[in-house]
Amino acid sequence: MLILSFAGNDVTPCMLRTPEPSSAEQTADEYESDLTAIVAGVGRTSPDTRIYMVPPPPVRDAEFESNAAAMRSMYDRFGREHPE
């Protein structure tokens, strides 16, 4: 079993992928790309491993909640597209 949980905290200085913060949707797209690569890698190296994804919980601060909401939507969509 593998439990994956990451939540798009690229609005903090140490996590910036570009000089400017990404939009919430860009962040979710970037993390979906990462998630796709991780799931594919696990599938190749350990095909019997069940993967569970844990989306981020609601976040009090609006600055961070917009990313968390986009991540939750991405996790929901990813799970529907990859029910295995």
N, C-alpha and C. Protein backbone atom coordinates (compact mmCIF):
# COMPACT_ATOMS: atom_id res chain seq x y z
N MET A 1 0.84 -1.16 0.00
CA MET A 1 0.00 0.00 0.00
C MET A 1 0.90 1.24 0.00
N LEU A 2 0.49 2.24 -0.79
CA LEU A 2 1.18 3.52 -0.83
C LEU A 2 0.14 4.61 -0.65
N ILE A 3 0.38 5.49 0.28
CA ILE A 3 -0.53 6.61 0.52
C ILE A 3 0.18 7.88 0.05
N LEU A 4 -0.45 8.57 -0.90
CA LEU A 4 0.12 9.80 -1.45
C LEU A 4 -0.68 10.99 -0.97
N SER A 5 0.01 12.00 -0.51
CA SER A 5 -0.66 13.24 -0.11
C SER A 5 0.31 14.39 -0.30
N PHE A 6 -0.01 15.25 -1.24
CA PHE A 6 0.72 16.49 -1.36
C PHE A 6 -0.26 17.55 -1.83
N ALA A 7 0.02 18.80 -1.47
CA ALA A 7 -1.06 19.78 -1.53
C ALA A 7 -0.75 21.12 -2.17
N GLY A 8 0.23 21.24 -2.99
CA GLY A 8 0.41 22.47 -3.75
C GLY A 8 0.76 23.70 -2.95
N ASN A 9 1.71 23.59 -2.05
CA ASN A 9 2.07 24.75 -1.24
C ASN A 9 3.13 25.60 -1.92
N ASP A 10 3.02 25.78 -3.23
CA ASP A 10 4.05 26.53 -3.93
C ASP A 10 3.89 28.04 -3.81
N VAL A 11 3.02 28.50 -2.92
CA VAL A 11 2.93 29.93 -2.67
C VAL A 11 3.94 30.38 -1.62
N THR A 12 4.63 29.44 -1.01
CA THR A 12 5.67 29.79 -0.04
C THR A 12 6.99 29.94 -0.78
N PRO A 13 7.86 30.83 -0.33
CA PRO A 13 9.11 31.10 -1.07
C PRO A 13 9.97 29.87 -1.36
N CYS A 14 10.03 28.93 -0.45
CA CYS A 14 10.91 27.78 -0.65
C CYS A 14 10.38 26.81 -1.70
N MET A 15 9.11 26.96 -2.11
CA MET A 15 8.50 26.01 -3.04
C MET A 15 8.23 26.59 -4.42
N LEU A 16 8.63 27.83 -4.67
CA LEU A 16 8.34 28.45 -5.96
C LEU A 16 9.04 27.70 -7.09
N ARG A 17 8.28 27.33 -8.12
CA ARG A 17 8.86 26.68 -9.29
C ARG A 17 9.29 27.72 -10.32
N THR A 18 8.71 28.90 -10.24
CA THR A 18 9.03 30.00 -11.14
C THR A 18 9.20 31.26 -10.28
N PRO A 19 9.71 32.33 -10.86
CA PRO A 19 9.87 33.56 -10.05
C PRO A 19 8.54 34.07 -9.47
N GLU A 20 7.45 33.84 -10.16
CA GLU A 20 6.14 34.27 -9.68
C GLU A 20 5.33 33.04 -9.27
N PRO A 21 4.51 33.16 -8.24
CA PRO A 21 3.66 32.03 -7.85
C PRO A 21 2.72 31.62 -8.98
N SER A 22 2.49 30.35 -9.13
CA SER A 22 1.54 29.83 -10.11
C SER A 22 0.12 30.10 -9.62
N SER A 23 -0.82 30.11 -10.55
CA SER A 23 -2.22 30.17 -10.16
C SER A 23 -2.58 28.84 -9.51
N ALA A 24 -3.70 28.80 -8.83
CA ALA A 24 -4.14 27.55 -8.20
C ALA A 24 -4.29 26.45 -9.24
N GLU A 25 -4.84 26.79 -10.40
CA GLU A 25 -5.04 25.79 -11.46
C GLU A 25 -3.70 25.32 -12.03
N GLN A 26 -2.76 26.25 -12.19
CA GLN A 26 -1.43 25.85 -12.67
C GLN A 26 -0.76 24.92 -11.67
N THR A 27 -0.90 25.24 -10.40
CA THR A 27 -0.31 24.40 -9.36
C THR A 27 -0.90 22.99 -9.43
N ALA A 28 -2.23 22.90 -9.52
CA ALA A 28 -2.87 21.59 -9.60
C ALA A 28 -2.41 20.84 -10.84
N ASP A 29 -2.27 21.52 -11.97
CA ASP A 29 -1.79 20.88 -13.20
C ASP A 29 -0.37 20.35 -13.03
N GLU A 30 0.49 21.16 -12.39
CA GLU A 30 1.87 20.73 -12.16
C GLU A 30 1.92 19.50 -11.25
N TYR A 31 1.12 19.53 -10.20
CA TYR A 31 1.10 18.40 -9.28
C TYR A 31 0.45 17.17 -9.93
N GLU A 32 -0.52 17.38 -10.81
CA GLU A 32 -1.11 16.23 -11.52
C GLU A 32 -0.05 15.56 -12.39
N SER A 33 0.79 16.34 -13.02
CA SER A 33 1.89 15.78 -13.80
C SER A 33 2.80 14.95 -12.91
N ASP A 34 3.14 15.49 -11.74
CA ASP A 34 3.97 14.76 -10.78
C ASP A 34 3.27 13.48 -10.32
N LEU A 35 1.98 13.58 -10.01
CA LEU A 35 1.21 12.43 -9.54
C LEU A 35 1.16 11.34 -10.61
N THR A 36 0.94 11.74 -11.86
CA THR A 36 0.90 10.79 -12.97
C THR A 36 2.22 10.03 -13.07
N ALA A 37 3.33 10.75 -12.94
CA ALA A 37 4.65 10.11 -13.02
C ALA A 37 4.86 9.15 -11.85
N ILE A 38 4.45 9.55 -10.67
CA ILE A 38 4.62 8.69 -9.49
C ILE A 38 3.80 7.41 -9.65
N VAL A 39 2.53 7.56 -10.03
CA VAL A 39 1.65 6.39 -10.18
C VAL A 39 2.19 5.45 -11.26
N ALA A 40 2.66 6.00 -12.36
CA ALA A 40 3.22 5.16 -13.43
C ALA A 40 4.47 4.43 -12.94
N GLY A 41 5.32 5.12 -12.22
CA GLY A 41 6.54 4.50 -11.69
C GLY A 41 6.24 3.38 -10.72
N VAL A 42 5.29 3.59 -9.84
CA VAL A 42 4.89 2.54 -8.90
C VAL A 42 4.30 1.37 -9.66
N GLY A 43 3.48 1.67 -10.68
CA GLY A 43 2.89 0.60 -11.48
C GLY A 43 3.93 -0.27 -12.17
N ARG A 44 5.00 0.36 -12.63
CA ARG A 44 6.07 -0.39 -13.29
C ARG A 44 6.89 -1.22 -12.31
N THR A 45 7.21 -0.65 -11.16
CA THR A 45 8.13 -1.31 -10.24
C THR A 45 7.43 -2.20 -9.21
N SER A 46 6.17 -1.92 -8.94
CA SER A 46 5.45 -2.68 -7.91
C SER A 46 3.96 -2.75 -8.27
N PRO A 47 3.63 -3.50 -9.33
CA PRO A 47 2.27 -3.48 -9.86
C PRO A 47 1.18 -3.93 -8.88
N ASP A 48 1.54 -4.66 -7.84
CA ASP A 48 0.54 -5.11 -6.87
C ASP A 48 0.29 -4.09 -5.76
N THR A 49 1.03 -3.00 -5.77
CA THR A 49 0.86 -1.98 -4.74
C THR A 49 -0.42 -1.19 -5.00
N ARG A 50 -1.28 -1.11 -4.00
CA ARG A 50 -2.49 -0.29 -4.08
C ARG A 50 -2.11 1.13 -3.67
N ILE A 51 -2.59 2.10 -4.43
CA ILE A 51 -2.28 3.49 -4.17
C ILE A 51 -3.54 4.20 -3.68
N TYR A 52 -3.40 4.90 -2.58
CA TYR A 52 -4.49 5.70 -2.02
C TYR A 52 -4.03 7.15 -2.02
N MET A 53 -4.91 8.03 -2.47
CA MET A 53 -4.58 9.46 -2.51
C MET A 53 -5.38 10.18 -1.44
N VAL A 54 -4.72 11.04 -0.71
CA VAL A 54 -5.35 11.81 0.35
C VAL A 54 -5.28 13.29 -0.04
N PRO A 55 -6.43 13.88 -0.38
CA PRO A 55 -6.41 15.29 -0.76
C PRO A 55 -6.23 16.18 0.46
N PRO A 56 -5.86 17.43 0.22
CA PRO A 56 -5.67 18.35 1.34
C PRO A 56 -7.01 18.71 1.99
N PRO A 57 -6.99 18.95 3.28
CA PRO A 57 -8.21 19.38 3.97
C PRO A 57 -8.49 20.85 3.67
N PRO A 58 -9.66 21.35 4.05
CA PRO A 58 -9.91 22.79 3.93
C PRO A 58 -8.85 23.57 4.73
N VAL A 59 -8.49 24.72 4.22
CA VAL A 59 -7.45 25.54 4.82
C VAL A 59 -8.05 26.90 5.19
N ARG A 60 -7.76 27.38 6.36
CA ARG A 60 -8.34 28.63 6.85
C ARG A 60 -7.96 29.83 6.00
N ASP A 61 -6.69 29.97 5.66
CA ASP A 61 -6.21 31.15 4.95
C ASP A 61 -6.57 31.07 3.46
N ALA A 62 -7.27 32.09 2.97
CA ALA A 62 -7.72 32.10 1.57
C ALA A 62 -6.57 31.94 0.59
N GLU A 63 -5.41 32.51 0.91
CA GLU A 63 -4.25 32.41 0.03
C GLU A 63 -3.88 30.95 -0.23
N PHE A 64 -4.03 30.11 0.76
CA PHE A 64 -3.69 28.70 0.64
C PHE A 64 -4.90 27.84 0.25
N GLU A 65 -6.10 28.26 0.64
CA GLU A 65 -7.30 27.47 0.34
C GLU A 65 -7.55 27.38 -1.16
N SER A 66 -7.25 28.42 -1.91
CA SER A 66 -7.49 28.33 -3.35
C SER A 66 -6.66 27.21 -3.97
N ASN A 67 -5.42 27.06 -3.54
CA ASN A 67 -4.60 25.94 -4.03
C ASN A 67 -5.14 24.61 -3.53
N ALA A 68 -5.54 24.55 -2.27
CA ALA A 68 -6.06 23.30 -1.72
C ALA A 68 -7.33 22.87 -2.45
N ALA A 69 -8.20 23.83 -2.76
CA ALA A 69 -9.43 23.51 -3.49
C ALA A 69 -9.11 22.98 -4.89
N ALA A 70 -8.16 23.62 -5.56
CA ALA A 70 -7.75 23.15 -6.89
C ALA A 70 -7.14 21.75 -6.80
N MET A 71 -6.37 21.51 -5.76
CA MET A 71 -5.78 20.18 -5.57
C MET A 71 -6.85 19.13 -5.30
N ARG A 72 -7.85 19.46 -4.47
CA ARG A 72 -8.94 18.51 -4.22
C ARG A 72 -9.66 18.16 -5.51
N SER A 73 -9.92 19.16 -6.34
CA SER A 73 -10.57 18.90 -7.63
C SER A 73 -9.71 18.00 -8.51
N MET A 74 -8.40 18.27 -8.52
CA MET A 74 -7.50 17.45 -9.32
C MET A 74 -7.48 16.01 -8.81
N TYR A 75 -7.39 15.82 -7.50
CA TYR A 75 -7.41 14.47 -6.93
C TYR A 75 -8.71 13.74 -7.29
N ASP A 76 -9.85 14.44 -7.19
CA ASP A 76 -11.14 13.83 -7.54
C ASP A 76 -11.14 13.39 -9.01
N ARG A 77 -10.72 14.29 -9.89
CA ARG A 77 -10.70 13.98 -11.32
C ARG A 77 -9.72 12.82 -11.61
N PHE A 78 -8.55 12.88 -11.00
CA PHE A 78 -7.55 11.83 -11.22
C PHE A 78 -8.10 10.47 -10.78
N GLY A 79 -8.75 10.45 -9.62
CA GLY A 79 -9.32 9.20 -9.12
C GLY A 79 -10.40 8.64 -10.04
N ARG A 80 -11.24 9.52 -10.60
CA ARG A 80 -12.27 9.06 -11.53
C ARG A 80 -11.65 8.52 -12.82
N GLU A 81 -10.58 9.16 -13.28
CA GLU A 81 -9.92 8.74 -14.52
C GLU A 81 -9.06 7.50 -14.35
N HIS A 82 -8.65 7.24 -13.09
CA HIS A 82 -7.78 6.09 -12.79
C HIS A 82 -8.36 5.33 -11.59
N PRO A 83 -9.50 4.69 -11.76
CA PRO A 83 -10.14 4.04 -10.60
C PRO A 83 -9.33 2.91 -9.98
N GLU A 84 -8.37 2.39 -10.71
CA GLU A 84 -7.54 1.31 -10.16
C GLU A 84 -6.61 1.84 -9.11
